[in-house]
Amino acid sequence: MQLSLPVSLPDDETFDSFLEVDNEFAASYLKTFCERGNNSNKSLCYLFGASGVGKSHLLFACCHQATLNGLQTVYLNMLELKEMPSEVISDIADYDVICIDNLHEIAGHQTWERTLFDLINQALERSHQPRLIMAANASPLVVGFQLPDLVSRLTWGAVFQLASRSDESLCHIIQFRIEHRGLEASDDCIKFLLTRVDRELSNLMLIVDELDKKSLQAKRKLTIPFIKQALNL
C-alpha cells in the first residue's frame, strides 16, 4: 500500500506569515534547511511545543519553501495516518523534504515506531540527502517512544522547543491575516475577539475566514458590533 499524494497545504502558512519573534531562530534555521544545496551536516530537525505554538505552520512553510526551491516535498499528519498500515510511507525517502506532523500520535505503537526509525535510516543513506522535519507535543526524550534507537535518532539532529504565543503575538498574527484578505480591523476589535473565542490559532484562522466571508456578503467593515453579530457572540 502506498500513500496517495500530494496532500493539499494551506497556501497562506509560509515563512513570511510566521510572525513569531520568540521562535524566529527556529524559523530562520528551517528556511535555510529547506534550500537546495544546503550544506548542513544534519538532515533531521525535530520541533516540539504545546498545541497552537506554530508547529504545523512551520511544517507547511517548509513544504512551500522547498517547493519554491525546486525540491520535491511531502507532508504527513500522523493523526490521520496512525490507523493505517505503516507501509503507506514505504517510498517517502525518495522525496527531498519530508515533513511529519503530530509525531506523538504513534508513540508506543511498535510497528509505526520501527517504520519511522527505518525511514530515518533510509534518508540518511540516500545520495540526494533528503531532509526530515518532524513535530510533536513533547521532547523526543519524554514523548513516550518505546524504541530506544528511535529516541536516539530523533535527538541526533537539531531540536527546537517552540515558545508559547503571547497576547501581543496573537494580535499581530490575526491583524496580518485580516490585512492579507484586504480587510481592516482596529486593535480593539482584535482584543475583543481574543476575549470571546477559543484562542487556539487554528480556530482563530477559521474565524478570520468566516469574518472575511460574512463581511464580503454584508458589505460591512469589521467592527465590534458586526463581529458580535457574525459570530453570535
Protein backbone atom coordinates (compact mmCIF):
# COMPACT_ATOMS: atom_id res chain seq x y z
CA MET A 1 0.00 0.00 0.00
CA GLN A 2 1.24 3.47 -0.87
CA LEU A 3 0.15 6.88 0.33
CA SER A 4 -1.99 8.89 -2.07
CA LEU A 5 -0.12 12.13 -2.80
CA PRO A 6 0.10 15.08 -2.98
CA VAL A 7 -1.57 16.46 0.15
CA SER A 8 -3.15 19.90 -0.20
CA LEU A 9 -1.49 22.51 2.01
CA PRO A 10 -2.72 25.91 3.27
CA ASP A 11 -1.42 28.49 0.82
CA ASP A 12 -1.03 31.25 3.43
CA GLU A 13 1.04 29.40 6.04
CA THR A 14 4.51 30.36 4.86
CA PHE A 15 7.66 31.73 6.50
CA ASP A 16 6.54 35.25 5.58
CA SER A 17 3.35 34.83 7.61
CA PHE A 18 5.09 33.24 10.61
CA LEU A 19 5.16 36.25 12.92
CA GLU A 20 6.82 34.72 15.95
CA VAL A 21 9.64 36.79 17.44
CA ASP A 22 10.33 34.25 20.18
CA ASN A 23 10.62 31.44 17.62
CA GLU A 24 12.42 33.46 14.96
CA PHE A 25 15.65 31.47 15.19
CA ALA A 26 13.87 28.16 14.59
CA ALA A 27 12.04 29.61 11.57
CA SER A 28 15.26 31.05 10.14
CA TYR A 29 17.05 27.72 10.61
CA LEU A 30 14.27 25.80 8.86
CA LYS A 31 14.11 28.21 5.94
CA THR A 32 17.82 27.62 5.27
CA PHE A 33 17.39 23.90 5.98
CA CYS A 34 14.96 23.69 3.02
CA GLU A 35 17.28 25.30 0.48
CA ARG A 36 18.60 23.34 -2.48
CA GLY A 37 22.27 22.53 -1.91
CA ASN A 38 22.03 23.16 1.83
CA ASN A 39 25.36 22.05 3.30
CA SER A 40 24.14 21.41 6.83
CA ASN A 41 25.73 18.32 8.34
CA LYS A 42 22.37 17.43 9.88
CA SER A 43 19.47 16.04 7.86
CA LEU A 44 16.95 15.86 10.69
CA CYS A 45 15.09 18.56 12.62
CA TYR A 46 12.63 17.99 15.47
CA LEU A 47 10.16 20.64 16.70
CA PHE A 48 8.14 20.38 19.87
CA GLY A 49 5.82 22.52 21.94
CA ALA A 50 2.27 22.91 23.17
CA SER A 51 -0.72 22.98 20.86
CA GLY A 52 -1.07 26.25 18.95
CA VAL A 53 2.57 27.40 19.03
CA GLY A 54 3.04 27.10 15.27
CA LYS A 55 4.48 23.64 14.67
CA SER A 56 2.16 22.80 11.77
CA HIS A 57 2.59 26.29 10.33
CA LEU A 58 6.35 25.77 10.18
CA LEU A 59 5.96 22.37 8.53
CA PHE A 60 3.65 23.87 5.89
CA ALA A 61 6.13 26.72 5.43
CA CYS A 62 8.95 24.23 4.92
CA CYS A 63 6.97 22.49 2.18
CA HIS A 64 6.20 25.79 0.46
CA GLN A 65 9.80 26.97 0.69
CA ALA A 66 11.26 23.70 -0.55
CA THR A 67 8.84 23.68 -3.49
CA LEU A 68 9.91 27.21 -4.41
CA ASN A 69 13.49 25.95 -4.31
CA GLY A 70 12.65 23.19 -6.81
CA LEU A 71 12.61 20.36 -4.28
CA GLN A 72 10.09 17.52 -4.01
CA THR A 73 8.18 17.69 -0.74
CA VAL A 74 5.66 15.68 1.24
CA TYR A 75 3.63 16.47 4.37
CA LEU A 76 2.34 13.66 6.60
CA ASN A 77 -0.01 14.00 9.55
CA MET A 78 0.33 11.04 11.92
CA LEU A 79 -3.03 11.90 13.49
CA GLU A 80 -4.56 10.83 10.17
CA LEU A 81 -2.16 8.00 9.31
CA LYS A 82 -1.73 6.17 12.63
CA GLU A 83 -4.63 3.79 11.99
CA MET A 84 -3.31 2.87 8.55
CA PRO A 85 -0.66 0.22 7.79
CA SER A 86 2.80 1.73 8.19
CA GLU A 87 3.65 0.56 4.65
CA VAL A 88 1.85 3.63 3.31
CA ILE A 89 5.08 5.60 3.77
CA SER A 90 7.40 2.95 2.30
CA ASP A 91 8.64 5.20 -0.53
CA ILE A 92 8.70 8.52 1.31
CA ALA A 93 12.51 8.64 1.47
CA ASP A 94 12.50 9.38 -2.28
CA TYR A 95 11.37 12.96 -1.51
CA ASP A 96 13.80 15.81 -0.86
CA VAL A 97 11.98 17.32 2.13
CA ILE A 98 9.78 15.18 4.37
CA CYS A 99 7.58 16.90 6.97
CA ILE A 100 5.87 14.73 9.60
CA ASP A 101 3.33 16.32 11.95
CA ASN A 102 1.87 15.08 15.27
CA LEU A 103 4.60 12.51 15.72
CA HIS A 104 3.48 11.88 19.31
CA GLU A 105 0.39 10.11 17.93
CA ILE A 106 2.45 6.99 17.17
CA ALA A 107 4.35 6.88 20.48
CA GLY A 108 4.04 3.39 21.90
CA HIS A 109 2.95 1.92 18.56
CA GLN A 110 5.65 -0.68 17.92
CA THR A 111 5.15 -1.09 14.17
CA TRP A 112 4.98 2.63 13.44
CA GLU A 113 7.99 3.38 15.65
CA ARG A 114 10.07 0.79 13.78
CA THR A 115 8.88 2.15 10.42
CA LEU A 116 9.84 5.68 11.40
CA PHE A 117 13.25 4.51 12.58
CA ASP A 118 13.78 2.70 9.26
CA LEU A 119 12.65 5.81 7.34
CA ILE A 120 15.24 7.96 9.11
CA ASN A 121 17.97 5.43 8.32
CA GLN A 122 16.90 5.27 4.68
CA ALA A 123 17.00 9.05 4.43
CA LEU A 124 20.49 9.15 5.92
CA GLU A 125 21.70 6.64 3.34
CA ARG A 126 20.16 8.27 0.24
CA SER A 127 22.58 10.04 -2.10
CA HIS A 128 20.20 13.02 -2.59
CA GLN A 129 20.31 13.67 1.19
CA PRO A 130 16.62 14.13 1.99
CA ARG A 131 15.77 16.32 4.97
CA LEU A 132 13.27 15.25 7.62
CA ILE A 133 11.38 17.80 9.72
CA MET A 134 9.18 16.39 12.47
CA ALA A 135 6.89 17.93 15.05
CA ALA A 136 5.41 16.63 18.29
CA ASN A 137 3.95 17.91 21.54
CA ALA A 138 6.98 17.00 23.65
CA SER A 139 10.72 16.36 23.54
CA PRO A 140 11.89 13.06 22.00
CA LEU A 141 13.11 12.06 25.45
CA VAL A 142 9.69 12.26 27.11
CA VAL A 143 7.12 11.93 24.32
CA GLY A 144 6.71 8.22 25.05
CA PHE A 145 8.57 6.35 22.31
CA GLN A 146 9.40 2.79 23.35
CA LEU A 147 12.17 2.14 20.81
CA PRO A 148 15.45 3.45 22.29
CA ASP A 149 17.15 3.59 18.88
CA LEU A 150 14.37 5.86 17.59
CA VAL A 151 14.76 8.25 20.52
CA SER A 152 18.49 8.35 19.84
CA ARG A 153 17.93 9.12 16.16
CA LEU A 154 15.44 11.90 16.90
CA THR A 155 17.88 13.64 19.24
CA TRP A 156 20.71 13.34 16.73
CA GLY A 157 19.50 16.28 14.64
CA ALA A 158 18.56 19.85 15.52
CA VAL A 159 15.86 20.06 18.23
CA PHE A 160 13.79 23.20 18.86
CA GLN A 161 11.26 23.86 21.59
CA LEU A 162 8.78 26.47 20.36
CA ALA A 163 7.70 29.13 22.83
CA SER A 164 4.01 29.71 23.56
CA ARG A 165 2.32 32.67 21.88
CA SER A 166 1.73 35.84 23.87
CA ASP A 167 -1.39 38.01 23.53
CA GLU A 168 0.66 40.54 21.59
CA SER A 169 1.87 37.85 19.21
CA LEU A 170 -1.68 36.58 18.64
CA CYS A 171 -2.86 40.12 17.91
CA HIS A 172 -0.10 40.58 15.32
CA ILE A 173 -0.91 37.27 13.65
CA ILE A 174 -4.64 37.98 13.43
CA GLN A 175 -4.00 41.51 12.16
CA PHE A 176 -1.66 40.14 9.49
CA ARG A 177 -4.22 37.54 8.34
CA ILE A 178 -7.02 40.11 8.26
CA GLU A 179 -4.95 42.57 6.22
CA HIS A 180 -3.85 39.70 3.94
CA ARG A 181 -7.52 39.33 2.99
CA GLY A 182 -7.89 43.02 2.23
CA LEU A 183 -9.81 43.81 5.42
CA GLU A 184 -9.22 46.23 8.24
CA ALA A 185 -9.80 45.80 11.95
CA SER A 186 -8.90 48.00 14.89
CA ASP A 187 -6.79 46.75 17.78
CA ASP A 188 -9.90 46.94 19.95
CA CYS A 189 -11.72 44.57 17.56
CA ILE A 190 -8.95 42.02 17.75
CA LYS A 191 -8.63 42.26 21.52
CA PHE A 192 -12.39 41.80 21.81
CA LEU A 193 -12.18 38.70 19.62
CA LEU A 194 -9.43 37.17 21.76
CA THR A 195 -11.55 37.55 24.90
CA ARG A 196 -14.62 35.88 23.39
CA VAL A 197 -13.43 32.85 21.38
CA ASP A 198 -11.18 29.80 21.66
CA ARG A 199 -7.62 31.16 21.34
CA GLU A 200 -6.25 28.08 19.56
CA LEU A 201 -4.61 29.51 16.44
CA SER A 202 -6.26 27.08 14.03
CA ASN A 203 -9.64 28.14 15.42
CA LEU A 204 -8.73 31.83 15.13
CA MET A 205 -7.79 31.34 11.48
CA LEU A 206 -11.16 29.70 10.80
CA ILE A 207 -12.85 32.67 12.47
CA VAL A 208 -10.89 35.12 10.29
CA ASP A 209 -12.05 33.17 7.22
CA GLU A 210 -15.66 33.30 8.42
CA LEU A 211 -15.47 37.04 9.12
CA ASP A 212 -13.96 37.59 5.68
CA LYS A 213 -16.88 35.80 4.00
CA LYS A 214 -19.59 37.46 6.08
CA SER A 215 -18.04 40.91 5.74
CA LEU A 216 -17.98 40.48 1.97
CA GLN A 217 -21.58 39.22 1.88
CA ALA A 218 -22.87 42.01 4.11
CA LYS A 219 -20.55 44.63 2.60
CA ARG A 220 -19.65 45.80 6.09
CA LYS A 221 -16.41 46.68 7.82
CA LEU A 222 -15.12 44.69 10.78
CA THR A 223 -16.39 46.40 13.90
CA ILE A 224 -17.15 45.00 17.32
CA PRO A 225 -20.96 45.10 16.73
CA PHE A 226 -20.51 43.31 13.37
CA ILE A 227 -18.20 40.69 14.90
CA LYS A 228 -20.76 40.04 17.65
CA GLN A 229 -23.48 39.58 15.05
CA ALA A 230 -21.45 37.49 12.62
CA LEU A 231 -20.18 35.09 15.28
CA ASN A 232 -23.25 35.12 17.52
CA LEU A 233 -21.21 36.30 20.50
